[in-house]
């Protein structure tokens, strides 16, 4: 499949519990409904483009899932038929990991980014659960909260993961973004990150290689800067960097979509709980229409990470 003169799109869907932080086991109703929602989008996109449409689904498997559900791979066992249907369409199944750690002192979950040993435990457990569930090693990976560092990239490469879809170009290094949640550590500075897929330098994962490169490919998420006033902030405030997220308002999504589509490829994101939140689902469906319009005017091809890289 050749993608030259076309606009390749890797549409990313994080398969997660309905709530961000969880304490009691419950079905992932959002995922169940998302499969139907995105299947409807697939049919419309295939009708518009005349080509097969492939999405990329990243399923949560990490110690928080194990703690609450008794098994890192609970979702794969509970929803086997849905995952089989996803793969039957040629979609990518990847791994999504968060580094939530239970704190007895706080009696709450902590987003743990300062403890590298814990981060690596989360990744290793997730990768092992993925291979056991799907009968093959994981190829594609996303860390939660757009967090990444050099040691974790090395671990992903050691585990044989080929594609990472975590980085969000333009995001500044800062304390944890979700101030209402407990956290440890800092978020990475992605202001200098290349916006197109690249193999990173072995000495610095945030830079394209010059001489010594890593084997792993980094596929940055599509991002853009919204004017502060559009977010209700003072007009003289700095523009805010956001990801191209299907749950955002159509005005915000459309603005970032227009800016991002000039980069030669797109990587929009969604989270499966969008289907159980009325306003977000309405926004998502309106953003579908924006994608359909773009698919017609720009000759889009909706591909997996492997298909994208193979066509370069």
C-alpha atoms as a PDB file:
ATOM      1  CA  UNK A   1       0.000   0.000   0.000  1.00  0.00           C
ATOM      2  CA  UNK A   2       1.454   3.356  -1.063  1.00  0.00           C
ATOM      3  CA  UNK A   3       0.538   6.467   0.889  1.00  0.00           C
ATOM      4  CA  UNK A   4       2.433   9.102  -1.101  1.00  0.00           C
ATOM      5  CA  UNK A   5       0.397  12.186  -1.995  1.00  0.00           C
ATOM      6  CA  UNK A   6      -2.142  11.006   0.551  1.00  0.00           C
ATOM      7  CA  UNK A   7      -2.778  11.929   4.170  1.00  0.00           C
ATOM      8  CA  UNK A   8      -2.210   8.899   6.421  1.00  0.00           C
ATOM      9  CA  UNK A   9      -4.162   8.886   9.687  1.00  0.00           C
ATOM     10  CA  UNK A  10      -3.401   6.683  12.703  1.00  0.00           C
ATOM     11  CA  UNK A  11      -6.564   6.944  14.817  1.00  0.00           C
ATOM     12  CA  UNK A  12      -5.739   5.990  18.411  1.00  0.00           C
ATOM     13  CA  UNK A  13      -8.332   4.650  20.866  1.00  0.00           C
ATOM     14  CA  UNK A  14      -7.370   4.042  24.498  1.00  0.00           C
ATOM     15  CA  UNK A  15      -9.372   1.109  25.898  1.00  0.00           C
ATOM     16  CA  UNK A  16      -9.830   1.920  29.584  1.00  0.00           C
ATOM     17  CA  UNK A  17     -12.184   1.606  32.541  1.00  0.00           C
ATOM     18  CA  UNK A  18     -15.081   4.050  32.504  1.00  0.00           C
ATOM     19  CA  UNK A  19     -13.563   6.017  35.389  1.00  0.00           C
ATOM     20  CA  UNK A  20     -10.033   7.367  35.383  1.00  0.00           C
ATOM     21  CA  UNK A  21      -9.125   6.184  38.886  1.00  0.00           C
ATOM     22  CA  UNK A  22     -10.855   3.002  39.975  1.00  0.00           C
ATOM     23  CA  UNK A  23     -11.583   1.322  43.296  1.00  0.00           C
ATOM     24  CA  UNK A  24     -14.222  -1.302  42.512  1.00  0.00           C
ATOM     25  CA  UNK A  25     -14.421  -3.690  39.536  1.00  0.00           C
ATOM     26  CA  UNK A  26     -17.056  -2.857  36.931  1.00  0.00           C
ATOM     27  CA  UNK A  27     -17.624  -3.660  33.268  1.00  0.00           C
ATOM     28  CA  UNK A  28     -16.010  -1.278  30.789  1.00  0.00           C
ATOM     29  CA  UNK A  29     -19.301  -0.179  29.284  1.00  0.00           C
ATOM     30  CA  UNK A  30     -17.620   2.634  27.385  1.00  0.00           C
ATOM     31  CA  UNK A  31     -15.435   0.158  25.512  1.00  0.00           C
ATOM     32  CA  UNK A  32     -18.383  -2.046  24.631  1.00  0.00           C
ATOM     33  CA  UNK A  33     -20.248   0.939  23.177  1.00  0.00           C
ATOM     34  CA  UNK A  34     -17.129   2.405  21.542  1.00  0.00           C
ATOM     35  CA  UNK A  35     -16.676  -0.655  19.347  1.00  0.00           C
ATOM     36  CA  UNK A  36     -20.117  -0.020  17.855  1.00  0.00           C
ATOM     37  CA  UNK A  37     -19.543   3.738  17.622  1.00  0.00           C
ATOM     38  CA  UNK A  38     -16.235   3.419  15.790  1.00  0.00           C
ATOM     39  CA  UNK A  39     -17.559   0.634  13.594  1.00  0.00           C
ATOM     40  CA  UNK A  40     -20.132   3.138  12.357  1.00  0.00           C
ATOM     41  CA  UNK A  41     -17.350   5.625  11.649  1.00  0.00           C
ATOM     42  CA  UNK A  42     -15.387   2.907   9.853  1.00  0.00           C
ATOM     43  CA  UNK A  43     -18.268   2.186   7.487  1.00  0.00           C
ATOM     44  CA  UNK A  44     -18.660   5.872   6.653  1.00  0.00           C
ATOM     45  CA  UNK A  45     -14.931   6.376   6.121  1.00  0.00           C
ATOM     46  CA  UNK A  46     -14.650   3.325   3.884  1.00  0.00           C
ATOM     47  CA  UNK A  47     -17.570   4.615   1.843  1.00  0.00           C
ATOM     48  CA  UNK A  48     -15.889   8.006   1.453  1.00  0.00           C
ATOM     49  CA  UNK A  49     -12.347   6.796   0.770  1.00  0.00           C
ATOM     50  CA  UNK A  50     -13.024   3.539  -1.062  1.00  0.00           C
ATOM     51  CA  UNK A  51     -10.241   1.872   0.934  1.00  0.00           C
ATOM     52  CA  UNK A  52     -10.063  -0.330   4.056  1.00  0.00           C
ATOM     53  CA  UNK A  53     -10.030   1.651   7.316  1.00  0.00           C
ATOM     54  CA  UNK A  54      -7.880   0.487  10.216  1.00  0.00           C
ATOM     55  CA  UNK A  55      -7.887   1.892  13.757  1.00  0.00           C
ATOM     56  CA  UNK A  56      -5.418   1.357  16.609  1.00  0.00           C
ATOM     57  CA  UNK A  57      -6.752   0.248  20.009  1.00  0.00           C
ATOM     58  CA  UNK A  58      -4.551   0.391  23.117  1.00  0.00           C
ATOM     59  CA  UNK A  59      -5.846  -1.705  26.017  1.00  0.00           C
ATOM     60  CA  UNK A  60      -5.073  -0.956  29.664  1.00  0.00           C
ATOM     61  CA  UNK A  61      -3.030  -3.681  31.346  1.00  0.00           C
ATOM     62  CA  UNK A  62      -1.072  -2.619  34.438  1.00  0.00           C
ATOM     63  CA  UNK A  63      -0.874  -3.094  38.234  1.00  0.00           C
ATOM     64  CA  UNK A  64      -3.884  -0.861  38.919  1.00  0.00           C
ATOM     65  CA  UNK A  65      -6.038  -3.110  36.719  1.00  0.00           C
ATOM     66  CA  UNK A  66      -4.537  -6.155  38.447  1.00  0.00           C
ATOM     67  CA  UNK A  67      -5.216  -4.713  41.900  1.00  0.00           C
ATOM     68  CA  UNK A  68      -8.861  -3.871  41.241  1.00  0.00           C
ATOM     69  CA  UNK A  69      -9.834  -6.702  38.865  1.00  0.00           C
ATOM     70  CA  UNK A  70      -7.460  -9.429  40.046  1.00  0.00           C
ATOM     71  CA  UNK A  71      -5.765  -9.750  36.652  1.00  0.00           C
ATOM     72  CA  UNK A  72      -3.821  -7.310  34.422  1.00  0.00           C
ATOM     73  CA  UNK A  73      -5.469  -8.876  31.388  1.00  0.00           C
ATOM     74  CA  UNK A  74      -9.041  -8.783  32.743  1.00  0.00           C
ATOM     75  CA  UNK A  75     -10.363  -6.733  29.816  1.00  0.00           C
ATOM     76  CA  UNK A  76      -9.018  -9.177  27.232  1.00  0.00           C
ATOM     77  CA  UNK A  77     -10.749 -12.116  28.884  1.00  0.00           C
ATOM     78  CA  UNK A  78     -13.991 -10.273  29.546  1.00  0.00           C
ATOM     79  CA  UNK A  79     -14.287  -8.859  26.022  1.00  0.00           C
ATOM     80  CA  UNK A  80     -12.645 -11.545  23.895  1.00  0.00           C
ATOM     81  CA  UNK A  81     -15.287 -11.409  21.153  1.00  0.00           C
ATOM     82  CA  UNK A  82     -14.900  -7.638  20.790  1.00  0.00           C
ATOM     83  CA  UNK A  83     -11.129  -7.871  20.496  1.00  0.00           C
ATOM     84  CA  UNK A  84     -11.440 -10.708  17.984  1.00  0.00           C
ATOM     85  CA  UNK A  85     -13.789  -8.545  15.897  1.00  0.00           C
ATOM     86  CA  UNK A  86     -11.373  -5.609  16.086  1.00  0.00           C
ATOM     87  CA  UNK A  87      -8.480  -7.742  14.845  1.00  0.00           C
ATOM     88  CA  UNK A  88     -10.672  -9.264  12.125  1.00  0.00           C
ATOM     89  CA  UNK A  89     -10.978  -5.764  10.635  1.00  0.00           C
ATOM     90  CA  UNK A  90      -7.194  -5.479  10.433  1.00  0.00           C
ATOM     91  CA  UNK A  91      -6.980  -3.026  13.337  1.00  0.00           C
ATOM     92  CA  UNK A  92      -3.931  -2.765  15.566  1.00  0.00           C
ATOM     93  CA  UNK A  93      -4.117  -3.962  19.165  1.00  0.00           C
ATOM     94  CA  UNK A  94      -1.531  -2.340  21.412  1.00  0.00           C
ATOM     95  CA  UNK A  95      -0.766  -1.884  25.090  1.00  0.00           C
ATOM     96  CA  UNK A  96      -1.714   1.124  27.240  1.00  0.00           C
ATOM     97  CA  UNK A  97      -0.058   1.441  30.667  1.00  0.00           C
ATOM     98  CA  UNK A  98      -0.532   3.855  33.557  1.00  0.00           C
ATOM     99  CA  UNK A  99       1.784   3.964  36.560  1.00  0.00           C
ATOM    100  CA  UNK A 100      -0.888   4.281  39.260  1.00  0.00           C
ATOM    101  CA  UNK A 101       0.422   3.067  42.636  1.00  0.00           C
ATOM    102  CA  UNK A 102      -1.721   2.553  45.717  1.00  0.00           C
ATOM    103  CA  UNK A 103      -0.678   4.624  48.735  1.00  0.00           C
ATOM    104  CA  UNK A 104      -1.722   3.228  52.099  1.00  0.00           C
ATOM    105  CA  UNK A 105      -0.801   6.550  53.739  1.00  0.00           C
ATOM    106  CA  UNK A 106      -3.126   8.525  51.464  1.00  0.00           C
ATOM    107  CA  UNK A 107      -5.602   5.673  50.961  1.00  0.00           C
ATOM    108  CA  UNK A 108      -5.629   6.694  47.313  1.00  0.00           C
ATOM    109  CA  UNK A 109      -3.987   6.082  43.948  1.00  0.00           C
ATOM    110  CA  UNK A 110      -0.847   8.079  43.140  1.00  0.00           C
ATOM    111  CA  UNK A 111       0.384   8.707  39.593  1.00  0.00           C
ATOM    112  CA  UNK A 112       3.932   7.492  40.233  1.00  0.00           C
ATOM    113  CA  UNK A 113       6.495   8.910  37.802  1.00  0.00           C
ATOM    114  CA  UNK A 114       9.432   9.499  40.161  1.00  0.00           C
ATOM    115  CA  UNK A 115      10.074   5.797  40.888  1.00  0.00           C
ATOM    116  CA  UNK A 116      11.628   4.299  37.751  1.00  0.00           C
ATOM    117  CA  UNK A 117      11.582   0.792  39.204  1.00  0.00           C
ATOM    118  CA  UNK A 118       7.803   1.045  39.634  1.00  0.00           C
ATOM    119  CA  UNK A 119       7.373   2.444  36.123  1.00  0.00           C
ATOM    120  CA  UNK A 120       9.290  -0.517  34.733  1.00  0.00           C
ATOM    121  CA  UNK A 121       7.238  -2.949  36.803  1.00  0.00           C
ATOM    122  CA  UNK A 122       4.092  -1.488  35.240  1.00  0.00           C
ATOM    123  CA  UNK A 123       5.474  -1.841  31.707  1.00  0.00           C
ATOM    124  CA  UNK A 124       6.790  -5.369  32.205  1.00  0.00           C
ATOM    125  CA  UNK A 125       3.556  -6.607  33.782  1.00  0.00           C
ATOM    126  CA  UNK A 126       1.514  -5.064  30.993  1.00  0.00           C
ATOM    127  CA  UNK A 127       3.704  -6.524  28.245  1.00  0.00           C
ATOM    128  CA  UNK A 128       3.574 -10.011  29.811  1.00  0.00           C
ATOM    129  CA  UNK A 129      -0.213  -9.825  30.210  1.00  0.00           C
ATOM    130  CA  UNK A 130      -0.609  -8.683  26.602  1.00  0.00           C
ATOM    131  CA  UNK A 131       1.455 -11.558  25.212  1.00  0.00           C
ATOM    132  CA  UNK A 132      -0.389 -14.090  27.339  1.00  0.00           C
ATOM    133  CA  UNK A 133      -3.782 -12.681  26.300  1.00  0.00           C
ATOM    134  CA  UNK A 134      -3.243 -12.309  22.565  1.00  0.00           C
ATOM    135  CA  UNK A 135      -0.627 -14.980  21.901  1.00  0.00           C
ATOM    136  CA  UNK A 136       1.970 -12.592  20.497  1.00  0.00           C
ATOM    137  CA  UNK A 137       4.366  -9.948  21.787  1.00  0.00           C
ATOM    138  CA  UNK A 138       3.142  -6.368  21.905  1.00  0.00           C
ATOM    139  CA  UNK A 139       4.174  -4.228  18.905  1.00  0.00           C
ATOM    140  CA  UNK A 140       2.594  -0.856  19.753  1.00  0.00           C
ATOM    141  CA  UNK A 141       2.563   0.998  23.060  1.00  0.00           C
ATOM    142  CA  UNK A 142       1.171   4.103  24.768  1.00  0.00           C
ATOM    143  CA  UNK A 143       2.097   5.352  28.207  1.00  0.00           C
ATOM    144  CA  UNK A 144      -0.566   7.211  30.150  1.00  0.00           C
ATOM    145  CA  UNK A 145      -0.642  10.997  30.543  1.00  0.00           C
ATOM    146  CA  UNK A 146       1.826  11.474  27.635  1.00  0.00           C
ATOM    147  CA  UNK A 147       4.650  10.553  30.056  1.00  0.00           C
ATOM    148  CA  UNK A 148       7.940   9.047  28.870  1.00  0.00           C
ATOM    149  CA  UNK A 149      11.656   9.052  29.659  1.00  0.00           C
ATOM    150  CA  UNK A 150      14.924   7.639  28.320  1.00  0.00           C
ATOM    151  CA  UNK A 151      15.010   4.540  30.525  1.00  0.00           C
ATOM    152  CA  UNK A 152      11.457   3.576  29.590  1.00  0.00           C
ATOM    153  CA  UNK A 153      12.177   3.930  25.876  1.00  0.00           C
ATOM    154  CA  UNK A 154      15.131   1.588  26.369  1.00  0.00           C
ATOM    155  CA  UNK A 155      12.879  -0.899  28.154  1.00  0.00           C
ATOM    156  CA  UNK A 156      10.286  -0.772  25.386  1.00  0.00           C
ATOM    157  CA  UNK A 157      13.000  -1.462  22.835  1.00  0.00           C
ATOM    158  CA  UNK A 158      14.374  -4.342  24.941  1.00  0.00           C
ATOM    159  CA  UNK A 159      10.863  -5.844  25.057  1.00  0.00           C
ATOM    160  CA  UNK A 160      10.656  -5.776  21.258  1.00  0.00           C
ATOM    161  CA  UNK A 161       8.038  -3.040  20.993  1.00  0.00           C
ATOM    162  CA  UNK A 162       8.283  -1.439  17.547  1.00  0.00           C
ATOM    163  CA  UNK A 163       6.086   1.662  17.822  1.00  0.00           C
ATOM    164  CA  UNK A 164       5.484   4.094  20.668  1.00  0.00           C
ATOM    165  CA  UNK A 165       2.591   6.575  20.401  1.00  0.00           C
ATOM    166  CA  UNK A 166       3.003   8.604  23.582  1.00  0.00           C
ATOM    167  CA  UNK A 167       4.780  11.875  22.832  1.00  0.00           C
ATOM    168  CA  UNK A 168       2.785  15.108  22.472  1.00  0.00           C
ATOM    169  CA  UNK A 169       4.919  17.766  20.730  1.00  0.00           C
ATOM    170  CA  UNK A 170       4.629  21.217  22.249  1.00  0.00           C
ATOM    171  CA  UNK A 171       3.870  20.122  25.808  1.00  0.00           C
ATOM    172  CA  UNK A 172       6.107  21.820  28.368  1.00  0.00           C
ATOM    173  CA  UNK A 173       7.954  20.137  31.210  1.00  0.00           C
ATOM    174  CA  UNK A 174       6.019  20.771  34.395  1.00  0.00           C
ATOM    175  CA  UNK A 175       4.575  19.171  37.516  1.00  0.00           C
ATOM    176  CA  UNK A 176       1.802  16.672  36.896  1.00  0.00           C
ATOM    177  CA  UNK A 177      -0.953  18.291  34.843  1.00  0.00           C
ATOM    178  CA  UNK A 178      -3.963  16.936  36.754  1.00  0.00           C
ATOM    179  CA  UNK A 179      -3.606  18.907  39.971  1.00  0.00           C
ATOM    180  CA  UNK A 180      -6.633  17.276  41.674  1.00  0.00           C
ATOM    181  CA  UNK A 181      -4.882  13.908  41.592  1.00  0.00           C
ATOM    182  CA  UNK A 182      -1.962  12.795  43.717  1.00  0.00           C
ATOM    183  CA  UNK A 183       1.277  12.382  41.819  1.00  0.00           C
ATOM    184  CA  UNK A 184       5.021  11.984  42.109  1.00  0.00           C
ATOM    185  CA  UNK A 185       7.419  13.321  39.498  1.00  0.00           C
ATOM    186  CA  UNK A 186       7.348  15.694  36.541  1.00  0.00           C
ATOM    187  CA  UNK A 187       5.943  15.648  33.041  1.00  0.00           C
ATOM    188  CA  UNK A 188       8.486  15.661  30.169  1.00  0.00           C
ATOM    189  CA  UNK A 189       9.293  18.716  28.061  1.00  0.00           C
ATOM    190  CA  UNK A 190       8.252  17.976  24.470  1.00  0.00           C
ATOM    191  CA  UNK A 191       8.631  21.470  23.001  1.00  0.00           C
ATOM    192  CA  UNK A 192      11.458  20.401  20.689  1.00  0.00           C
ATOM    193  CA  UNK A 193       9.985  17.040  19.630  1.00  0.00           C
ATOM    194  CA  UNK A 194       9.723  16.352  15.901  1.00  0.00           C
ATOM    195  CA  UNK A 195       6.087  16.148  14.744  1.00  0.00           C
ATOM    196  CA  UNK A 196       6.554  13.373  12.177  1.00  0.00           C
ATOM    197  CA  UNK A 197       7.330   9.715  12.957  1.00  0.00           C
ATOM    198  CA  UNK A 198      11.022   9.237  13.683  1.00  0.00           C
ATOM    199  CA  UNK A 199      13.600   6.861  15.039  1.00  0.00           C
ATOM    200  CA  UNK A 200      15.213   8.501  18.058  1.00  0.00           C
ATOM    201  CA  UNK A 201      18.893   9.019  18.676  1.00  0.00           C
ATOM    202  CA  UNK A 202      20.344   6.475  21.057  1.00  0.00           C
ATOM    203  CA  UNK A 203      21.691   9.257  23.279  1.00  0.00           C
ATOM    204  CA  UNK A 204      18.422  11.247  23.414  1.00  0.00           C
ATOM    205  CA  UNK A 205      15.004   9.776  22.655  1.00  0.00           C
ATOM    206  CA  UNK A 206      13.546  13.249  22.020  1.00  0.00           C
ATOM    207  CA  UNK A 207      15.842  13.826  19.011  1.00  0.00           C
ATOM    208  CA  UNK A 208      15.886  12.259  15.582  1.00  0.00           C
ATOM    209  CA  UNK A 209      18.964  10.094  15.113  1.00  0.00           C
ATOM    210  CA  UNK A 210      22.021  11.429  13.338  1.00  0.00           C
ATOM    211  CA  UNK A 211      24.449   8.531  13.681  1.00  0.00           C
ATOM    212  CA  UNK A 212      23.388   5.980  16.294  1.00  0.00           C
ATOM    213  CA  UNK A 213      19.663   5.293  16.159  1.00  0.00           C
ATOM    214  CA  UNK A 214      17.278   3.151  18.134  1.00  0.00           C
ATOM    215  CA  UNK A 215      15.196   0.453  16.474  1.00  0.00           C
ATOM    216  CA  UNK A 216      11.912   1.709  17.938  1.00  0.00           C
ATOM    217  CA  UNK A 217       9.780   4.227  16.020  1.00  0.00           C
ATOM    218  CA  UNK A 218       8.201   7.151  17.861  1.00  0.00           C
ATOM    219  CA  UNK A 219       4.884   8.333  16.394  1.00  0.00           C
ATOM    220  CA  UNK A 220       4.024  11.675  18.063  1.00  0.00           C
ATOM    221  CA  UNK A 221       0.382  12.514  18.697  1.00  0.00           C
ATOM    222  CA  UNK A 222      -1.078  15.393  16.673  1.00  0.00           C
ATOM    223  CA  UNK A 223      -1.142  18.524  18.814  1.00  0.00           C
ATOM    224  CA  UNK A 224      -1.701  22.230  18.393  1.00  0.00           C
ATOM    225  CA  UNK A 225      -1.950  25.475  20.302  1.00  0.00           C
ATOM    226  CA  UNK A 226      -5.327  26.945  21.141  1.00  0.00           C
ATOM    227  CA  UNK A 227      -5.572  30.693  21.751  1.00  0.00           C
ATOM    228  CA  UNK A 228      -5.971  31.321  25.482  1.00  0.00           C
ATOM    229  CA  UNK A 229      -9.165  33.342  24.964  1.00  0.00           C
ATOM    230  CA  UNK A 230     -10.871  30.336  23.333  1.00  0.00           C
ATOM    231  CA  UNK A 231     -10.426  28.461  26.632  1.00  0.00           C
ATOM    232  CA  UNK A 232     -11.797  31.271  28.748  1.00  0.00           C
ATOM    233  CA  UNK A 233      -8.332  32.434  29.845  1.00  0.00           C
ATOM    234  CA  UNK A 234      -7.040  36.034  29.732  1.00  0.00           C
ATOM    235  CA  UNK A 235      -6.246  37.151  26.189  1.00  0.00           C
ATOM    236  CA  UNK A 236      -2.622  37.868  27.091  1.00  0.00           C
ATOM    237  CA  UNK A 237      -2.067  34.326  28.414  1.00  0.00           C
ATOM    238  CA  UNK A 238       0.085  31.955  26.407  1.00  0.00           C
ATOM    239  CA  UNK A 239      -1.655  29.630  23.934  1.00  0.00           C
ATOM    240  CA  UNK A 240      -2.373  26.176  25.363  1.00  0.00           C
ATOM    241  CA  UNK A 241      -1.000  23.020  23.750  1.00  0.00           C
ATOM    242  CA  UNK A 242      -3.614  20.268  23.411  1.00  0.00           C
ATOM    243  CA  UNK A 243      -3.777  16.910  21.681  1.00  0.00           C
ATOM    244  CA  UNK A 244      -6.129  16.284  18.764  1.00  0.00           C
ATOM    245  CA  UNK A 245      -8.715  14.556  20.951  1.00  0.00           C
ATOM    246  CA  UNK A 246     -12.075  13.452  19.564  1.00  0.00           C
ATOM    247  CA  UNK A 247     -13.834  14.268  22.837  1.00  0.00           C
ATOM    248  CA  UNK A 248     -12.987  17.979  22.641  1.00  0.00           C
ATOM    249  CA  UNK A 249     -15.466  20.566  21.407  1.00  0.00           C
ATOM    250  CA  UNK A 250     -15.778  20.683  17.603  1.00  0.00           C
ATOM    251  CA  UNK A 251     -14.389  24.228  17.562  1.00  0.00           C
ATOM    252  CA  UNK A 252     -11.218  23.115  19.365  1.00  0.00           C
ATOM    253  CA  UNK A 253     -10.934  19.845  17.442  1.00  0.00           C
ATOM    254  CA  UNK A 254     -11.506  21.538  14.088  1.00  0.00           C
ATOM    255  CA  UNK A 255      -8.934  24.233  14.818  1.00  0.00           C
ATOM    256  CA  UNK A 256      -6.222  21.710  15.748  1.00  0.00           C
ATOM    257  CA  UNK A 257      -7.247  19.418  12.871  1.00  0.00           C
ATOM    258  CA  UNK A 258      -6.692  22.181  10.314  1.00  0.00           C
ATOM    259  CA  UNK A 259      -3.301  23.025  11.800  1.00  0.00           C
ATOM    260  CA  UNK A 260      -2.168  19.407  12.174  1.00  0.00           C
ATOM    261  CA  UNK A 261      -3.207  18.254   8.702  1.00  0.00           C
ATOM    262  CA  UNK A 262      -0.393  20.347   7.228  1.00  0.00           C
ATOM    263  CA  UNK A 263       2.217  18.080   8.872  1.00  0.00           C
ATOM    264  CA  UNK A 264       1.793  15.269   6.326  1.00  0.00           C
ATOM    265  CA  UNK A 265       0.037  12.826   8.673  1.00  0.00           C
ATOM    266  CA  UNK A 266      -2.420  12.770  11.577  1.00  0.00           C
ATOM    267  CA  UNK A 267      -2.635  10.952  14.908  1.00  0.00           C
ATOM    268  CA  UNK A 268      -5.900  11.875  16.688  1.00  0.00           C
ATOM    269  CA  UNK A 269      -6.796  10.209  19.992  1.00  0.00           C
ATOM    270  CA  UNK A 270      -9.917   9.104  21.885  1.00  0.00           C
ATOM    271  CA  UNK A 271     -10.725   7.343  25.145  1.00  0.00           C
ATOM    272  CA  UNK A 272     -13.448   4.688  25.236  1.00  0.00           C
ATOM    273  CA  UNK A 273     -15.415   6.324  28.057  1.00  0.00           C
ATOM    274  CA  UNK A 274     -16.443   9.057  25.595  1.00  0.00           C
ATOM    275  CA  UNK A 275     -19.527   6.984  24.736  1.00  0.00           C
ATOM    276  CA  UNK A 276     -20.990   7.119  28.252  1.00  0.00           C
ATOM    277  CA  UNK A 277     -20.616  10.891  28.699  1.00  0.00           C
ATOM    278  CA  UNK A 278     -23.465  12.579  26.873  1.00  0.00           C
ATOM    279  CA  UNK A 279     -21.845  15.891  25.926  1.00  0.00           C
ATOM    280  CA  UNK A 280     -18.520  14.307  24.991  1.00  0.00           C
ATOM    281  CA  UNK A 281     -20.264  11.715  22.832  1.00  0.00           C
ATOM    282  CA  UNK A 282     -22.122  14.491  20.991  1.00  0.00           C
ATOM    283  CA  UNK A 283     -18.839  16.325  20.442  1.00  0.00           C
ATOM    284  CA  UNK A 284     -17.177  13.106  19.282  1.00  0.00           C
ATOM    285  CA  UNK A 285     -19.901  12.454  16.710  1.00  0.00           C
ATOM    286  CA  UNK A 286     -19.600  16.020  15.413  1.00  0.00           C
ATOM    287  CA  UNK A 287     -15.825  15.568  15.179  1.00  0.00           C
ATOM    288  CA  UNK A 288     -16.461  12.390  13.183  1.00  0.00           C
ATOM    289  CA  UNK A 289     -18.131  14.615  10.594  1.00  0.00           C
ATOM    290  CA  UNK A 290     -15.037  16.811  10.457  1.00  0.00           C
ATOM    291  CA  UNK A 291     -12.902  13.714   9.846  1.00  0.00           C
ATOM    292  CA  UNK A 292     -15.290  12.543   7.128  1.00  0.00           C
ATOM    293  CA  UNK A 293     -15.028  15.886   5.396  1.00  0.00           C
ATOM    294  CA  UNK A 294     -11.239  15.821   5.616  1.00  0.00           C
ATOM    295  CA  UNK A 295     -11.174  12.238   4.322  1.00  0.00           C
ATOM    296  CA  UNK A 296     -12.929  13.408   1.179  1.00  0.00           C
ATOM    297  CA  UNK A 297     -10.911  16.562   0.528  1.00  0.00           C
ATOM    298  CA  UNK A 298      -7.457  15.231   1.453  1.00  0.00           C
ATOM    299  CA  UNK A 299      -7.603  11.583   0.297  1.00  0.00           C
ATOM    300  CA  UNK A 300      -7.006  10.196   3.783  1.00  0.00           C
ATOM    301  CA  UNK A 301      -5.909   6.640   4.481  1.00  0.00           C
ATOM    302  CA  UNK A 302      -6.629   5.260   7.954  1.00  0.00           C
ATOM    303  CA  UNK A 303      -3.751   2.950   8.779  1.00  0.00           C
ATOM    304  CA  UNK A 304      -2.014   1.100  11.616  1.00  0.00           C
ATOM    305  CA  UNK A 305       1.432   2.173  12.857  1.00  0.00           C
ATOM    306  CA  UNK A 306       3.040  -0.686  10.938  1.00  0.00           C
ATOM    307  CA  UNK A 307       1.249   0.269   7.718  1.00  0.00           C
ATOM    308  CA  UNK A 308       2.291   3.892   8.147  1.00  0.00           C
ATOM    309  CA  UNK A 309       5.967   3.082   8.576  1.00  0.00           C
ATOM    310  CA  UNK A 310       5.982   0.452   5.820  1.00  0.00           C
ATOM    311  CA  UNK A 311       4.719   3.045   3.334  1.00  0.00           C
ATOM    312  CA  UNK A 312       7.336   5.684   4.168  1.00  0.00           C
END
